[in-house]
Amino acid sequence: MVPGNPVSTLVVDTYDLGEAEVKLSAAFSKSRIGTRSGDAPTWTRCWRSHVGSVTIDDAYLTYDMSYDSEPSDKMLLCRVRTGLIDAQYPDWEAGTFGTGDVGAFSVADGVPFGGHVDRAHYNIVMLDRNLLGKVAALAPGSNLQSVRLTGSAPVSRAANKHMVDAIDYVCHCVAANPEAMEQPLIAEAVERYLAASVLATFPNNAPLEATAEDRHDGTPAVVRRAIEFIEEHAQAAMSVADIAAAVYVTPRALQYAFRRHRDCTPMEYVRKVRLQYAHRDLARSDALTTTVADVARRWGFGHLGRFAAYYRQAYGESPHDTLRQ
């Protein structure tokens, strides 16, 4: 995401604390802000982009801002580029995050939070909390909000780096690309990617292992029905939960079945099918009127470098070579 580009909107750009409080409250949740920086300039600037249901902000403060916020209906991921940010909750361990850190804010529904943002440049990614339940492969009918984070700091430095890389990829490779942002398959993949990264980064209560019932349901017949569904709906946004519901098993049973009988995950198989359709479109298209980027985005591949790597591995040539033939 590049501030000021055509796919970003300006949320606030002011030196007035009162104006900043009103606009930040409208953009996030109702908040009260102040400063501990005396007479220093209080410049607040924030740009916003959207990818599907995900909101990505680029914010910059020149002062030490205190804040008290009412509960937000979404989870906030804060990737600190410079400066220092801390958050405090009732009955929750406080978190302090500096340059290069990622912290999770507003992780529980209905819980207010507050803290300080000290002369910081940072990104805020807002996610629907229900996405955690969707990617955690809960059984159909389960309460998606039952999956929640149990801490606001990453479980390790390696986990922190993974989350930083995920946010940076979305900011710089997807949210800065108007064509990619308009593709539903890419938006759905970004939502799933970020939610899965959150579960891999922060402590949480998501169930991990397949149950005995899941293993019993993980049959070749289930895989065949799932493959039929995937091939028929390849151009539609889909998750593991969607596929599992279509074949009447739990998401964990579906994952177990694909690992056992196809040696891949369901979403890896979805990528394989979409790659096949992209290959077909490239082979049938005219290089004068079609680009590789157009075809890749049509089938949900937002990162052209990764698309080219997957394509070469599958077909032994670059997508440009196929298009020119």
C-alpha atoms as a PDB file:
ATOM      1  CA  MET A   1       0.000   0.000   0.000  1.00  0.00           C
ATOM      2  CA  VAL A   2       1.399   3.378  -1.040  1.00  0.00           C
ATOM      3  CA  PRO A   3      -0.164   6.424   0.664  1.00  0.00           C
ATOM      4  CA  GLY A   4      -1.832   8.691  -1.840  1.00  0.00           C
ATOM      5  CA  ASN A   5      -2.146   6.106  -4.624  1.00  0.00           C
ATOM      6  CA  PRO A   6      -5.488   5.674  -6.424  1.00  0.00           C
ATOM      7  CA  VAL A   7      -6.551   2.692  -4.297  1.00  0.00           C
ATOM      8  CA  SER A   8      -6.059   4.464  -0.953  1.00  0.00           C
ATOM      9  CA  THR A   9      -8.309   6.981   0.767  1.00  0.00           C
ATOM     10  CA  LEU A  10      -7.192   9.577   3.279  1.00  0.00           C
ATOM     11  CA  VAL A  11      -8.747   8.928   6.701  1.00  0.00           C
ATOM     12  CA  VAL A  12      -7.167  11.853   8.531  1.00  0.00           C
ATOM     13  CA  ASP A  13      -4.401  14.418   7.964  1.00  0.00           C
ATOM     14  CA  THR A  14      -4.391  17.056  10.675  1.00  0.00           C
ATOM     15  CA  TYR A  15      -2.489  18.734  13.487  1.00  0.00           C
ATOM     16  CA  ASP A  16      -5.720  19.216  15.470  1.00  0.00           C
ATOM     17  CA  LEU A  17      -6.276  16.586  18.188  1.00  0.00           C
ATOM     18  CA  GLY A  18     -10.010  17.154  18.269  1.00  0.00           C
ATOM     19  CA  GLU A  19     -10.356  16.537  14.551  1.00  0.00           C
ATOM     20  CA  ALA A  20      -8.075  13.506  14.789  1.00  0.00           C
ATOM     21  CA  GLU A  21     -10.208  12.035  17.589  1.00  0.00           C
ATOM     22  CA  VAL A  22     -13.425  12.408  15.580  1.00  0.00           C
ATOM     23  CA  LYS A  23     -11.990  10.884  12.410  1.00  0.00           C
ATOM     24  CA  LEU A  24     -10.130   8.039  14.134  1.00  0.00           C
ATOM     25  CA  SER A  25     -13.284   7.198  16.100  1.00  0.00           C
ATOM     26  CA  ALA A  26     -15.242   6.986  12.845  1.00  0.00           C
ATOM     27  CA  ALA A  27     -12.572   4.808  11.218  1.00  0.00           C
ATOM     28  CA  PHE A  28     -12.008   2.386  14.117  1.00  0.00           C
ATOM     29  CA  SER A  29     -14.106   2.519  17.300  1.00  0.00           C
ATOM     30  CA  LYS A  30     -15.089   5.476  19.476  1.00  0.00           C
ATOM     31  CA  SER A  31     -11.911   6.694  21.148  1.00  0.00           C
ATOM     32  CA  ARG A  32     -10.583   9.437  23.361  1.00  0.00           C
ATOM     33  CA  ILE A  33      -7.077  10.639  22.535  1.00  0.00           C
ATOM     34  CA  GLY A  34      -4.595  12.998  24.129  1.00  0.00           C
ATOM     35  CA  THR A  35      -0.895  13.846  24.062  1.00  0.00           C
ATOM     36  CA  ARG A  36       2.038  13.628  26.455  1.00  0.00           C
ATOM     37  CA  SER A  37       4.290  15.608  24.091  1.00  0.00           C
ATOM     38  CA  GLY A  38       3.642  19.090  25.509  1.00  0.00           C
ATOM     39  CA  ASP A  39       3.700  21.760  22.798  1.00  0.00           C
ATOM     40  CA  ALA A  40       5.245  19.514  20.128  1.00  0.00           C
ATOM     41  CA  PRO A  41       3.372  19.363  16.786  1.00  0.00           C
ATOM     42  CA  THR A  42       0.560  16.806  16.878  1.00  0.00           C
ATOM     43  CA  TRP A  43       0.402  15.616  13.270  1.00  0.00           C
ATOM     44  CA  THR A  44      -1.881  12.634  12.684  1.00  0.00           C
ATOM     45  CA  ARG A  45      -2.054  11.067   9.210  1.00  0.00           C
ATOM     46  CA  CYS A  46      -3.701   7.827   8.096  1.00  0.00           C
ATOM     47  CA  TRP A  47      -4.364   6.327   4.657  1.00  0.00           C
ATOM     48  CA  ARG A  48      -6.741   3.369   4.139  1.00  0.00           C
ATOM     49  CA  SER A  49      -7.136   0.581   1.572  1.00  0.00           C
ATOM     50  CA  HIS A  50      -9.511  -2.395   1.363  1.00  0.00           C
ATOM     51  CA  VAL A  51      -9.005  -5.939   0.086  1.00  0.00           C
ATOM     52  CA  GLY A  52     -12.257  -7.853   0.448  1.00  0.00           C
ATOM     53  CA  SER A  53     -13.326  -7.577   4.081  1.00  0.00           C
ATOM     54  CA  VAL A  54      -9.777  -6.680   5.166  1.00  0.00           C
ATOM     55  CA  THR A  55      -8.905  -3.059   5.943  1.00  0.00           C
ATOM     56  CA  ILE A  56      -5.273  -1.937   5.689  1.00  0.00           C
ATOM     57  CA  ASP A  57      -4.142   1.379   7.156  1.00  0.00           C
ATOM     58  CA  ASP A  58      -0.864   3.275   6.937  1.00  0.00           C
ATOM     59  CA  ALA A  59      -0.616   5.641   9.916  1.00  0.00           C
ATOM     60  CA  TYR A  60       1.943   8.172  11.101  1.00  0.00           C
ATOM     61  CA  LEU A  61       2.096  10.233  14.315  1.00  0.00           C
ATOM     62  CA  THR A  62       4.700  12.857  15.248  1.00  0.00           C
ATOM     63  CA  TYR A  63       3.795  12.855  18.949  1.00  0.00           C
ATOM     64  CA  ASP A  64       3.132  10.585  21.932  1.00  0.00           C
ATOM     65  CA  MET A  65      -0.593   9.896  21.700  1.00  0.00           C
ATOM     66  CA  SER A  66      -2.619   8.371  24.527  1.00  0.00           C
ATOM     67  CA  TYR A  67      -5.810   6.572  23.584  1.00  0.00           C
ATOM     68  CA  ASP A  68      -8.769   4.861  25.219  1.00  0.00           C
ATOM     69  CA  SER A  69     -10.960   2.948  22.783  1.00  0.00           C
ATOM     70  CA  GLU A  70     -14.322   1.314  23.094  1.00  0.00           C
ATOM     71  CA  PRO A  71     -14.610  -2.309  21.912  1.00  0.00           C
ATOM     72  CA  SER A  72     -14.081  -2.824  18.200  1.00  0.00           C
ATOM     73  CA  ASP A  73     -16.076  -5.330  16.156  1.00  0.00           C
ATOM     74  CA  LYS A  74     -12.857  -6.456  14.440  1.00  0.00           C
ATOM     75  CA  MET A  75      -9.419  -7.672  15.432  1.00  0.00           C
ATOM     76  CA  LEU A  76      -6.540  -5.265  14.780  1.00  0.00           C
ATOM     77  CA  LEU A  77      -3.019  -6.310  13.800  1.00  0.00           C
ATOM     78  CA  CYS A  78      -0.451  -3.573  14.324  1.00  0.00           C
ATOM     79  CA  ARG A  79       2.836  -3.792  12.399  1.00  0.00           C
ATOM     80  CA  VAL A  80       5.226  -1.172  13.840  1.00  0.00           C
ATOM     81  CA  ARG A  81       7.648   0.337  11.319  1.00  0.00           C
ATOM     82  CA  THR A  82       9.122   2.980  13.649  1.00  0.00           C
ATOM     83  CA  GLY A  83       8.300   4.136  17.166  1.00  0.00           C
ATOM     84  CA  LEU A  84       6.594   2.386  20.058  1.00  0.00           C
ATOM     85  CA  ILE A  85       3.010   1.236  20.679  1.00  0.00           C
ATOM     86  CA  ASP A  86       1.496  -0.318  23.775  1.00  0.00           C
ATOM     87  CA  ALA A  87      -1.932  -1.678  24.604  1.00  0.00           C
ATOM     88  CA  GLN A  88      -3.645  -2.381  27.927  1.00  0.00           C
ATOM     89  CA  TYR A  89      -6.834  -4.352  28.604  1.00  0.00           C
ATOM     90  CA  PRO A  90      -8.962  -5.164  31.651  1.00  0.00           C
ATOM     91  CA  ASP A  91      -7.934  -8.621  32.909  1.00  0.00           C
ATOM     92  CA  TRP A  92      -5.381  -9.018  30.088  1.00  0.00           C
ATOM     93  CA  GLU A  93      -1.603  -8.796  29.977  1.00  0.00           C
ATOM     94  CA  ALA A  94      -0.354  -5.485  28.558  1.00  0.00           C
ATOM     95  CA  GLY A  95       1.664  -5.572  25.331  1.00  0.00           C
ATOM     96  CA  THR A  96       4.433  -3.239  24.150  1.00  0.00           C
ATOM     97  CA  PHE A  97       5.616  -3.324  20.538  1.00  0.00           C
ATOM     98  CA  GLY A  98       8.549  -1.519  18.926  1.00  0.00           C
ATOM     99  CA  THR A  99      10.117  -1.218  15.500  1.00  0.00           C
ATOM    100  CA  GLY A 100       9.743  -4.479  13.575  1.00  0.00           C
ATOM    101  CA  ASP A 101       7.145  -5.958  15.941  1.00  0.00           C
ATOM    102  CA  VAL A 102       3.577  -7.068  15.314  1.00  0.00           C
ATOM    103  CA  GLY A 103       0.922  -6.981  18.026  1.00  0.00           C
ATOM    104  CA  ALA A 104      -2.701  -8.105  18.113  1.00  0.00           C
ATOM    105  CA  PHE A 105      -5.204  -5.570  19.459  1.00  0.00           C
ATOM    106  CA  SER A 106      -8.928  -5.926  20.175  1.00  0.00           C
ATOM    107  CA  VAL A 107      -8.603  -9.705  20.142  1.00  0.00           C
ATOM    108  CA  ALA A 108     -11.724 -10.324  22.251  1.00  0.00           C
ATOM    109  CA  ASP A 109     -15.246  -9.216  21.458  1.00  0.00           C
ATOM    110  CA  GLY A 110     -16.669  -6.520  23.725  1.00  0.00           C
ATOM    111  CA  VAL A 111     -13.414  -5.633  25.507  1.00  0.00           C
ATOM    112  CA  PRO A 112     -12.211  -1.987  25.574  1.00  0.00           C
ATOM    113  CA  PHE A 113      -8.511  -1.194  25.321  1.00  0.00           C
ATOM    114  CA  GLY A 114      -6.144   1.740  25.653  1.00  0.00           C
ATOM    115  CA  GLY A 115      -2.483   2.696  25.675  1.00  0.00           C
ATOM    116  CA  HIS A 116       0.022   4.937  23.897  1.00  0.00           C
ATOM    117  CA  VAL A 117       1.408   5.408  20.401  1.00  0.00           C
ATOM    118  CA  ASP A 118       4.786   7.129  20.676  1.00  0.00           C
ATOM    119  CA  ARG A 119       5.936   8.919  17.491  1.00  0.00           C
ATOM    120  CA  ALA A 120       5.187   5.904  15.348  1.00  0.00           C
ATOM    121  CA  HIS A 121       4.789   4.904  11.723  1.00  0.00           C
ATOM    122  CA  TYR A 122       2.740   1.720  11.560  1.00  0.00           C
ATOM    123  CA  ASN A 123       0.245  -0.385   9.624  1.00  0.00           C
ATOM    124  CA  ILE A 124      -3.050  -1.555  11.060  1.00  0.00           C
ATOM    125  CA  VAL A 125      -4.778  -4.545   9.460  1.00  0.00           C
ATOM    126  CA  MET A 126      -8.389  -5.101  10.550  1.00  0.00           C
ATOM    127  CA  LEU A 127      -9.790  -8.644  10.271  1.00  0.00           C
ATOM    128  CA  ASP A 128     -13.173 -10.188  10.964  1.00  0.00           C
ATOM    129  CA  ARG A 129     -12.609 -12.440  14.009  1.00  0.00           C
ATOM    130  CA  ASN A 130     -14.833 -15.123  12.438  1.00  0.00           C
ATOM    131  CA  LEU A 131     -12.117 -15.700   9.830  1.00  0.00           C
ATOM    132  CA  LEU A 132     -10.084 -17.471  12.509  1.00  0.00           C
ATOM    133  CA  GLY A 133     -12.814 -20.043  12.985  1.00  0.00           C
ATOM    134  CA  LYS A 134     -13.162 -20.530   9.238  1.00  0.00           C
ATOM    135  CA  VAL A 135      -9.492 -21.293   8.626  1.00  0.00           C
ATOM    136  CA  ALA A 136      -9.214 -23.362  11.818  1.00  0.00           C
ATOM    137  CA  ALA A 137     -11.439 -25.973  10.126  1.00  0.00           C
ATOM    138  CA  LEU A 138     -14.247 -26.101  12.663  1.00  0.00           C
ATOM    139  CA  ALA A 139     -17.125 -28.463  12.063  1.00  0.00           C
ATOM    140  CA  PRO A 140     -20.180 -27.068  10.200  1.00  0.00           C
ATOM    141  CA  GLY A 141     -22.529 -25.296  12.590  1.00  0.00           C
ATOM    142  CA  SER A 142     -19.777 -24.550  15.108  1.00  0.00           C
ATOM    143  CA  ASN A 143     -19.521 -21.144  16.718  1.00  0.00           C
ATOM    144  CA  LEU A 144     -16.834 -19.460  14.634  1.00  0.00           C
ATOM    145  CA  GLN A 145     -16.129 -17.008  17.464  1.00  0.00           C
ATOM    146  CA  SER A 146     -15.091 -19.908  19.709  1.00  0.00           C
ATOM    147  CA  VAL A 147     -11.634 -19.692  18.107  1.00  0.00           C
ATOM    148  CA  ARG A 148      -9.819 -16.786  19.693  1.00  0.00           C
ATOM    149  CA  LEU A 149      -6.353 -15.566  20.523  1.00  0.00           C
ATOM    150  CA  THR A 150      -5.096 -16.115  24.050  1.00  0.00           C
ATOM    151  CA  GLY A 151      -2.281 -13.563  23.855  1.00  0.00           C
ATOM    152  CA  SER A 152      -1.426 -10.350  22.011  1.00  0.00           C
ATOM    153  CA  ALA A 153       2.270 -11.040  21.296  1.00  0.00           C
ATOM    154  CA  PRO A 154       3.721 -13.541  18.794  1.00  0.00           C
ATOM    155  CA  VAL A 155       4.843 -16.888  20.187  1.00  0.00           C
ATOM    156  CA  SER A 156       8.416 -16.395  18.886  1.00  0.00           C
ATOM    157  CA  ARG A 157      10.640 -14.063  16.878  1.00  0.00           C
ATOM    158  CA  ALA A 158      10.250 -16.385  13.884  1.00  0.00           C
ATOM    159  CA  ALA A 159       6.478 -16.158  14.217  1.00  0.00           C
ATOM    160  CA  ASN A 160       6.735 -12.367  14.408  1.00  0.00           C
ATOM    161  CA  LYS A 161       8.759 -12.321  11.168  1.00  0.00           C
ATOM    162  CA  HIS A 162       6.167 -14.521   9.462  1.00  0.00           C
ATOM    163  CA  MET A 163       3.382 -12.086  10.382  1.00  0.00           C
ATOM    164  CA  VAL A 164       5.481  -9.069   9.343  1.00  0.00           C
ATOM    165  CA  ASP A 165       6.148 -10.674   5.957  1.00  0.00           C
ATOM    166  CA  ALA A 166       2.439 -11.496   5.511  1.00  0.00           C
ATOM    167  CA  ILE A 167       1.350  -7.921   6.276  1.00  0.00           C
ATOM    168  CA  ASP A 168       4.065  -6.420   4.085  1.00  0.00           C
ATOM    169  CA  TYR A 169       3.044  -8.663   1.191  1.00  0.00           C
ATOM    170  CA  VAL A 170      -0.584  -7.565   1.446  1.00  0.00           C
ATOM    171  CA  CYS A 171       0.385  -3.892   1.806  1.00  0.00           C
ATOM    172  CA  HIS A 172       2.912  -3.706  -1.010  1.00  0.00           C
ATOM    173  CA  CYS A 173       1.866  -6.404  -3.493  1.00  0.00           C
ATOM    174  CA  VAL A 174      -1.946  -6.517  -3.230  1.00  0.00           C
ATOM    175  CA  ALA A 175      -3.278  -3.296  -1.692  1.00  0.00           C
ATOM    176  CA  ALA A 176      -1.179  -1.221  -4.088  1.00  0.00           C
ATOM    177  CA  ASN A 177      -2.565  -3.016  -7.158  1.00  0.00           C
ATOM    178  CA  PRO A 178      -6.041  -1.819  -8.238  1.00  0.00           C
ATOM    179  CA  GLU A 179      -6.536  -4.720 -10.659  1.00  0.00           C
ATOM    180  CA  ALA A 180      -5.658  -7.342  -8.046  1.00  0.00           C
ATOM    181  CA  MET A 181      -7.910  -5.763  -5.422  1.00  0.00           C
ATOM    182  CA  GLU A 182     -10.926  -6.070  -7.714  1.00  0.00           C
ATOM    183  CA  GLN A 183     -10.587  -9.852  -8.098  1.00  0.00           C
ATOM    184  CA  PRO A 184     -12.842 -11.778  -5.633  1.00  0.00           C
ATOM    185  CA  LEU A 185     -10.568 -14.830  -5.680  1.00  0.00           C
ATOM    186  CA  ILE A 186      -7.575 -12.737  -4.651  1.00  0.00           C
ATOM    187  CA  ALA A 187      -9.525 -10.984  -1.892  1.00  0.00           C
ATOM    188  CA  GLU A 188     -10.710 -14.333  -0.514  1.00  0.00           C
ATOM    189  CA  ALA A 189      -7.163 -15.712  -0.629  1.00  0.00           C
ATOM    190  CA  VAL A 190      -5.826 -12.650   1.221  1.00  0.00           C
ATOM    191  CA  GLU A 191      -8.450 -13.019   3.960  1.00  0.00           C
ATOM    192  CA  ARG A 192      -7.612 -16.696   4.414  1.00  0.00           C
ATOM    193  CA  TYR A 193      -3.842 -16.079   4.246  1.00  0.00           C
ATOM    194  CA  LEU A 194      -3.908 -13.394   6.926  1.00  0.00           C
ATOM    195  CA  ALA A 195      -6.195 -15.384   9.234  1.00  0.00           C
ATOM    196  CA  ALA A 196      -4.020 -18.495   8.902  1.00  0.00           C
ATOM    197  CA  SER A 197      -0.931 -16.372   9.573  1.00  0.00           C
ATOM    198  CA  VAL A 198      -2.554 -14.981  12.723  1.00  0.00           C
ATOM    199  CA  LEU A 199      -3.191 -18.518  14.030  1.00  0.00           C
ATOM    200  CA  ALA A 200       0.405 -19.475  13.211  1.00  0.00           C
ATOM    201  CA  THR A 201       1.770 -16.353  14.931  1.00  0.00           C
ATOM    202  CA  PHE A 202      -0.218 -15.751  18.121  1.00  0.00           C
ATOM    203  CA  PRO A 203      -1.220 -18.125  20.950  1.00  0.00           C
ATOM    204  CA  ASN A 204      -4.781 -19.362  20.416  1.00  0.00           C
ATOM    205  CA  ASN A 205      -7.263 -22.091  21.333  1.00  0.00           C
ATOM    206  CA  ALA A 206      -7.893 -23.514  17.833  1.00  0.00           C
ATOM    207  CA  PRO A 207      -8.171 -27.342  17.682  1.00  0.00           C
ATOM    208  CA  LEU A 208      -5.334 -28.840  15.638  1.00  0.00           C
ATOM    209  CA  GLU A 209      -5.745 -32.614  15.353  1.00  0.00           C
ATOM    210  CA  ALA A 210      -8.306 -34.661  13.434  1.00  0.00           C
ATOM    211  CA  THR A 211     -10.650 -36.679  15.643  1.00  0.00           C
ATOM    212  CA  ALA A 212     -11.411 -40.393  15.246  1.00  0.00           C
ATOM    213  CA  GLU A 213     -14.663 -39.417  13.520  1.00  0.00           C
ATOM    214  CA  ASP A 214     -12.755 -37.131  11.151  1.00  0.00           C
ATOM    215  CA  ARG A 215     -10.411 -39.989  10.230  1.00  0.00           C
ATOM    216  CA  HIS A 216     -13.375 -42.316   9.675  1.00  0.00           C
ATOM    217  CA  ASP A 217     -14.939 -39.793   7.268  1.00  0.00           C
ATOM    218  CA  GLY A 218     -11.689 -39.155   5.366  1.00  0.00           C
ATOM    219  CA  THR A 219     -12.417 -41.650   2.578  1.00  0.00           C
ATOM    220  CA  PRO A 220     -11.513 -41.688  -1.151  1.00  0.00           C
ATOM    221  CA  ALA A 221     -15.190 -41.110  -1.955  1.00  0.00           C
ATOM    222  CA  VAL A 222     -15.106 -37.860   0.002  1.00  0.00           C
ATOM    223  CA  VAL A 223     -12.041 -36.764  -1.959  1.00  0.00           C
ATOM    224  CA  ARG A 224     -13.743 -37.565  -5.276  1.00  0.00           C
ATOM    225  CA  ARG A 225     -16.826 -35.529  -4.358  1.00  0.00           C
ATOM    226  CA  ALA A 226     -14.635 -32.660  -3.179  1.00  0.00           C
ATOM    227  CA  ILE A 227     -12.652 -32.679  -6.432  1.00  0.00           C
ATOM    228  CA  GLU A 228     -15.890 -32.524  -8.433  1.00  0.00           C
ATOM    229  CA  PHE A 229     -17.021 -29.535  -6.370  1.00  0.00           C
ATOM    230  CA  ILE A 230     -13.660 -27.771  -6.756  1.00  0.00           C
ATOM    231  CA  GLU A 231     -13.558 -28.259 -10.516  1.00  0.00           C
ATOM    232  CA  GLU A 232     -17.142 -27.039 -10.959  1.00  0.00           C
ATOM    233  CA  HIS A 233     -16.640 -23.942  -8.789  1.00  0.00           C
ATOM    234  CA  ALA A 234     -12.987 -23.111  -9.455  1.00  0.00           C
ATOM    235  CA  GLN A 235     -13.714 -19.494 -10.392  1.00  0.00           C
ATOM    236  CA  ALA A 236     -15.692 -18.851  -7.206  1.00  0.00           C
ATOM    237  CA  ALA A 237     -14.195 -17.894  -3.863  1.00  0.00           C
ATOM    238  CA  MET A 238     -14.008 -20.967  -1.634  1.00  0.00           C
ATOM    239  CA  SER A 239     -12.460 -22.060   1.640  1.00  0.00           C
ATOM    240  CA  VAL A 240     -11.832 -25.450   3.208  1.00  0.00           C
ATOM    241  CA  ALA A 241     -15.045 -24.954   5.170  1.00  0.00           C
ATOM    242  CA  ASP A 242     -17.005 -24.334   1.950  1.00  0.00           C
ATOM    243  CA  ILE A 243     -15.683 -27.506   0.318  1.00  0.00           C
ATOM    244  CA  ALA A 244     -16.279 -29.573   3.444  1.00  0.00           C
ATOM    245  CA  ALA A 245     -19.861 -28.354   3.723  1.00  0.00           C
ATOM    246  CA  ALA A 246     -20.475 -29.292   0.086  1.00  0.00           C
ATOM    247  CA  VAL A 247     -19.437 -32.914   0.733  1.00  0.00           C
ATOM    248  CA  TYR A 248     -20.986 -33.170   4.238  1.00  0.00           C
ATOM    249  CA  VAL A 249     -17.873 -33.717   6.350  1.00  0.00           C
ATOM    250  CA  THR A 250     -15.953 -31.573   8.815  1.00  0.00           C
ATOM    251  CA  PRO A 251     -13.111 -29.409   7.475  1.00  0.00           C
ATOM    252  CA  ARG A 252     -10.603 -31.476   9.476  1.00  0.00           C
ATOM    253  CA  ALA A 253     -11.960 -34.690   7.924  1.00  0.00           C
ATOM    254  CA  LEU A 254     -11.538 -33.142   4.484  1.00  0.00           C
ATOM    255  CA  GLN A 255      -7.969 -32.100   5.244  1.00  0.00           C
ATOM    256  CA  TYR A 256      -7.187 -35.562   6.590  1.00  0.00           C
ATOM    257  CA  ALA A 257      -8.680 -37.192   3.455  1.00  0.00           C
ATOM    258  CA  PHE A 258      -6.642 -35.047   1.061  1.00  0.00           C
ATOM    259  CA  ARG A 259      -3.419 -35.584   2.984  1.00  0.00           C
ATOM    260  CA  ARG A 260      -3.984 -39.345   3.037  1.00  0.00           C
ATOM    261  CA  HIS A 261      -5.242 -39.905  -0.514  1.00  0.00           C
ATOM    262  CA  ARG A 262      -3.800 -36.979  -2.505  1.00  0.00           C
ATOM    263  CA  ASP A 263      -0.714 -36.016  -0.477  1.00  0.00           C
ATOM    264  CA  CYS A 264      -1.755 -32.366  -0.486  1.00  0.00           C
ATOM    265  CA  THR A 265      -4.129 -30.008   1.284  1.00  0.00           C
ATOM    266  CA  PRO A 266      -7.550 -29.134  -0.168  1.00  0.00           C
ATOM    267  CA  MET A 267      -6.420 -25.594  -0.942  1.00  0.00           C
ATOM    268  CA  GLU A 268      -3.285 -26.852  -2.676  1.00  0.00           C
ATOM    269  CA  TYR A 269      -5.581 -28.888  -4.888  1.00  0.00           C
ATOM    270  CA  VAL A 270      -7.710 -25.788  -5.541  1.00  0.00           C
ATOM    271  CA  ARG A 271      -4.547 -23.980  -6.648  1.00  0.00           C
ATOM    272  CA  LYS A 272      -3.669 -26.890  -8.963  1.00  0.00           C
ATOM    273  CA  VAL A 273      -7.094 -26.764 -10.635  1.00  0.00           C
ATOM    274  CA  ARG A 274      -7.003 -22.988 -11.027  1.00  0.00           C
ATOM    275  CA  LEU A 275      -3.524 -23.285 -12.526  1.00  0.00           C
ATOM    276  CA  GLN A 276      -4.911 -25.758 -15.076  1.00  0.00           C
ATOM    277  CA  TYR A 277      -7.637 -23.300 -16.064  1.00  0.00           C
ATOM    278  CA  ALA A 278      -5.077 -20.496 -16.304  1.00  0.00           C
ATOM    279  CA  HIS A 279      -2.958 -22.716 -18.592  1.00  0.00           C
ATOM    280  CA  ARG A 280      -5.998 -23.358 -20.776  1.00  0.00           C
ATOM    281  CA  ASP A 281      -6.796 -19.645 -21.040  1.00  0.00           C
ATOM    282  CA  LEU A 282      -3.196 -18.746 -21.902  1.00  0.00           C
ATOM    283  CA  ALA A 283      -3.032 -21.412 -24.591  1.00  0.00           C
ATOM    284  CA  ARG A 284      -6.277 -20.178 -26.171  1.00  0.00           C
ATOM    285  CA  SER A 285      -5.612 -16.437 -25.915  1.00  0.00           C
ATOM    286  CA  ASP A 286      -4.035 -13.900 -28.256  1.00  0.00           C
ATOM    287  CA  ALA A 287      -0.918 -12.214 -26.886  1.00  0.00           C
ATOM    288  CA  LEU A 288      -2.005  -8.981 -28.578  1.00  0.00           C
ATOM    289  CA  THR A 289      -5.168  -8.685 -26.485  1.00  0.00           C
ATOM    290  CA  THR A 290      -4.381 -10.695 -23.322  1.00  0.00           C
ATOM    291  CA  THR A 291      -1.659 -10.422 -20.686  1.00  0.00           C
ATOM    292  CA  VAL A 292      -0.317 -13.002 -18.287  1.00  0.00           C
ATOM    293  CA  ALA A 293      -1.289 -10.688 -15.413  1.00  0.00           C
ATOM    294  CA  ASP A 294      -4.914 -10.618 -16.604  1.00  0.00           C
ATOM    295  CA  VAL A 295      -5.150 -14.418 -16.650  1.00  0.00           C
ATOM    296  CA  ALA A 296      -3.304 -14.851 -13.349  1.00  0.00           C
ATOM    297  CA  ARG A 297      -5.591 -12.419 -11.518  1.00  0.00           C
ATOM    298  CA  ARG A 298      -8.690 -13.992 -13.075  1.00  0.00           C
ATOM    299  CA  TRP A 299      -7.768 -17.271 -11.400  1.00  0.00           C
ATOM    300  CA  GLY A 300      -6.795 -15.810  -8.034  1.00  0.00           C
ATOM    301  CA  PHE A 301      -3.019 -15.454  -8.372  1.00  0.00           C
ATOM    302  CA  GLY A 302      -2.203 -11.995  -7.038  1.00  0.00           C
ATOM    303  CA  HIS A 303       1.593 -12.426  -6.995  1.00  0.00           C
ATOM    304  CA  LEU A 304       2.851 -12.817 -10.562  1.00  0.00           C
ATOM    305  CA  GLY A 305       6.253 -14.142  -9.495  1.00  0.00           C
ATOM    306  CA  ARG A 306       4.691 -16.982  -7.527  1.00  0.00           C
ATOM    307  CA  PHE A 307       2.245 -17.685 -10.352  1.00  0.00           C
ATOM    308  CA  ALA A 308       5.144 -17.961 -12.811  1.00  0.00           C
ATOM    309  CA  ALA A 309       7.011 -20.317 -10.457  1.00  0.00           C
ATOM    310  CA  TYR A 310       3.986 -22.577  -9.955  1.00  0.00           C
ATOM    311  CA  TYR A 311       3.346 -22.513 -13.707  1.00  0.00           C
ATOM    312  CA  ARG A 312       6.898 -23.429 -14.716  1.00  0.00           C
ATOM    313  CA  GLN A 313       6.951 -26.262 -12.180  1.00  0.00           C
ATOM    314  CA  ALA A 314       3.706 -27.664 -13.605  1.00  0.00           C
ATOM    315  CA  TYR A 315       4.227 -27.069 -17.344  1.00  0.00           C
ATOM    316  CA  GLY A 316       7.977 -26.742 -17.869  1.00  0.00           C
ATOM    317  CA  GLU A 317       7.765 -23.292 -19.445  1.00  0.00           C
ATOM    318  CA  SER A 318       6.852 -19.750 -18.472  1.00  0.00           C
ATOM    319  CA  PRO A 319       3.272 -18.482 -18.843  1.00  0.00           C
ATOM    320  CA  HIS A 320       4.585 -15.906 -21.336  1.00  0.00           C
ATOM    321  CA  ASP A 321       5.937 -18.746 -23.515  1.00  0.00           C
ATOM    322  CA  THR A 322       2.514 -20.424 -23.539  1.00  0.00           C
ATOM    323  CA  LEU A 323       0.764 -17.161 -24.416  1.00  0.00           C
ATOM    324  CA  ARG A 324       3.131 -16.452 -27.325  1.00  0.00           C
ATOM    325  CA  GLN A 325       2.700 -19.885 -28.935  1.00  0.00           C
END
